[in-house]
Protein backbone atom coordinates (compact mmCIF):
# COMPACT_ATOMS: atom_id res chain seq x y z
CA UNK A 1 0.00 0.00 0.00
CA UNK A 2 1.26 3.45 -0.90
CA UNK A 3 1.90 5.75 2.01
CA UNK A 4 2.21 9.49 2.32
CA UNK A 5 5.20 11.29 3.74
CA UNK A 6 3.24 11.44 7.00
CA UNK A 7 3.32 7.64 7.14
CA UNK A 8 -0.41 7.07 6.62
CA UNK A 9 -1.99 5.40 3.62
CA UNK A 10 -3.02 7.44 0.60
CA UNK A 11 -6.65 6.43 1.14
CA UNK A 12 -6.65 7.59 4.74
CA UNK A 13 -5.14 10.93 3.73
CA UNK A 14 -7.79 11.30 1.01
CA UNK A 15 -10.54 10.53 3.50
CA UNK A 16 -9.02 12.88 6.07
CA UNK A 17 -9.12 15.84 3.72
CA UNK A 18 -12.88 15.34 3.22
CA UNK A 19 -13.65 14.58 6.87
CA UNK A 20 -11.68 17.65 7.96
CA UNK A 21 -14.02 19.62 5.70
CA UNK A 22 -16.89 18.53 7.94
CA UNK A 23 -15.15 19.86 11.02
CA UNK A 24 -13.35 22.95 9.78
CA UNK A 25 -12.86 24.27 6.28
CA UNK A 26 -9.68 26.05 7.43
CA UNK A 27 -8.10 22.79 8.60
CA UNK A 28 -9.24 21.07 5.41
CA UNK A 29 -7.70 23.81 3.26
CA UNK A 30 -4.43 23.65 5.23
CA UNK A 31 -4.26 19.88 4.76
CA UNK A 32 -5.08 20.30 1.06
CA UNK A 33 -2.23 22.82 0.74
CA UNK A 34 0.10 20.32 2.41
CA UNK A 35 -1.01 17.59 -0.01
CA UNK A 36 -0.58 19.81 -3.05
CA UNK A 37 2.80 21.10 -1.92
CA UNK A 38 4.49 18.01 -0.54
CA UNK A 39 2.76 14.82 -1.66
CA UNK A 40 3.48 13.25 -5.04
CA UNK A 41 0.48 10.98 -5.56
CA UNK A 42 -1.75 12.33 -8.35
CA UNK A 43 -4.92 10.67 -7.05
CA UNK A 44 -4.43 12.25 -3.62
CA UNK A 45 -3.84 15.67 -5.15
CA UNK A 46 -7.04 15.27 -7.15
CA UNK A 47 -8.96 14.52 -3.95
CA UNK A 48 -7.53 17.65 -2.29
CA UNK A 49 -8.55 19.86 -5.21
CA UNK A 50 -11.98 18.19 -5.40
CA UNK A 51 -12.63 18.84 -1.70
CA UNK A 52 -11.52 22.45 -2.07
CA UNK A 53 -13.79 22.98 -5.08
CA UNK A 54 -16.70 21.36 -3.25
CA UNK A 55 -16.36 23.53 -0.14
CA UNK A 56 -15.80 26.71 -2.15
CA UNK A 57 -18.79 25.92 -4.38
CA UNK A 58 -21.10 25.49 -1.43
CA UNK A 59 -19.69 28.64 0.20
CA UNK A 60 -20.54 30.59 -2.96
CA UNK A 61 -24.07 29.14 -2.99
CA UNK A 62 -24.56 29.98 0.71
CA UNK A 63 -23.31 33.53 0.12
CA UNK A 64 -25.66 33.99 -2.83
CA UNK A 65 -28.55 32.70 -0.77
CA UNK A 66 -27.67 35.09 2.06
CA UNK A 67 -27.76 37.97 -0.40
CA UNK A 68 -31.46 37.33 -1.07
CA UNK A 69 -32.43 38.45 2.47
CA UNK A 70 -30.16 41.48 2.18
CA UNK A 71 -31.66 42.50 -1.16
CA UNK A 72 -35.18 42.18 0.28
CA UNK A 73 -34.12 44.34 3.25
CA UNK A 74 -32.71 47.02 0.94
CA UNK A 75 -35.95 47.06 -1.05
CA UNK A 76 -37.91 47.41 2.21
CA UNK A 77 -35.76 50.36 3.29
CA UNK A 78 -36.46 52.05 -0.03
CA UNK A 79 -40.19 51.28 0.24
CA UNK A 80 -40.29 53.03 3.63
CA UNK A 81 -39.56 56.30 1.84
CA UNK A 82 -42.97 56.06 0.22
CA UNK A 83 -46.40 55.59 1.78
CA UNK A 84 -46.92 51.95 0.86
CA UNK A 85 -48.93 49.76 3.24
CA UNK A 86 -46.81 46.61 2.81
CA UNK A 87 -43.30 45.27 2.98
CA UNK A 88 -41.58 42.55 1.03
CA UNK A 89 -40.44 39.35 2.69
CA UNK A 90 -39.10 36.00 1.67
CA UNK A 91 -42.05 33.61 2.01
CA UNK A 92 -42.01 30.93 4.69
CA UNK A 93 -38.44 31.77 5.74
CA UNK A 94 -37.38 30.02 2.55
CA UNK A 95 -33.78 31.25 2.61
CA UNK A 96 -33.15 29.65 6.01
CA UNK A 97 -34.69 26.40 4.82
CA UNK A 98 -32.58 26.38 1.65
CA UNK A 99 -29.46 27.29 3.61
CA UNK A 100 -29.99 24.37 5.97
CA UNK A 101 -30.67 22.05 3.03
CA UNK A 102 -27.46 23.19 1.31
CA UNK A 103 -25.48 22.53 4.48
CA UNK A 104 -26.97 19.06 4.73
CA UNK A 105 -26.17 18.26 1.09
CA UNK A 106 -22.60 19.50 1.58
CA UNK A 107 -22.14 17.35 4.69
CA UNK A 108 -23.57 14.27 2.98
CA UNK A 109 -21.32 14.78 -0.05
CA UNK A 110 -18.24 15.20 2.17
CA UNK A 111 -19.10 12.01 4.08
CA UNK A 112 -19.77 9.97 0.93
CA UNK A 113 -16.67 11.27 -0.83
CA UNK A 114 -14.52 10.75 2.28
CA UNK A 115 -15.76 7.18 2.67
CA UNK A 116 -15.08 6.53 -1.01
CA UNK A 117 -11.61 8.05 -0.77
CA UNK A 118 -10.84 5.79 2.18
CA UNK A 119 -11.53 2.83 -0.12
CA UNK A 120 -9.52 4.39 -3.02
CA UNK A 121 -12.65 5.02 -5.05
CA UNK A 122 -13.94 8.15 -6.74
CA UNK A 123 -17.36 9.73 -6.57
CA UNK A 124 -17.92 11.10 -10.06
CA UNK A 125 -19.68 14.44 -10.13
CA UNK A 126 -19.21 15.72 -13.66
CA UNK A 127 -19.32 19.43 -12.80
CA UNK A 128 -16.82 18.99 -9.96
CA UNK A 129 -14.56 16.69 -11.98
CA UNK A 130 -14.42 19.26 -14.79
CA UNK A 131 -13.27 21.92 -12.32
CA UNK A 132 -10.62 19.57 -10.92
CA UNK A 133 -9.35 18.63 -14.37
CA UNK A 134 -9.04 22.29 -15.36
CA UNK A 135 -7.16 23.25 -12.20
CA UNK A 136 -4.81 20.33 -11.65
């Protein structure tokens, strides 16, 4: 079995980068930087870039979703300048629901991909794989 310079198997290092993403994106990014800088295994580097793209993608989606509430608030501030009897709101607290759903999907993907990495397998997500192939 191939081992990393840390003395652990390549599969365990691949799983660790995903599982660290569940705990702390900062720790996951630091471990990904270590893998990209010091490890030589191409499969492991691909896992590090894939995890980074996954976490950054979900961060962008969460940020965009958070902007919806801010845009509605700005519109409400502008509407207060005029004598209108209503205010805009996001129905049924939909942004919070979608934010929680996105977090759940991210966690499930990190767990599935980490488990697969532990067994030296890949989870093929075409969009994510295209990003990895372009950046590695």
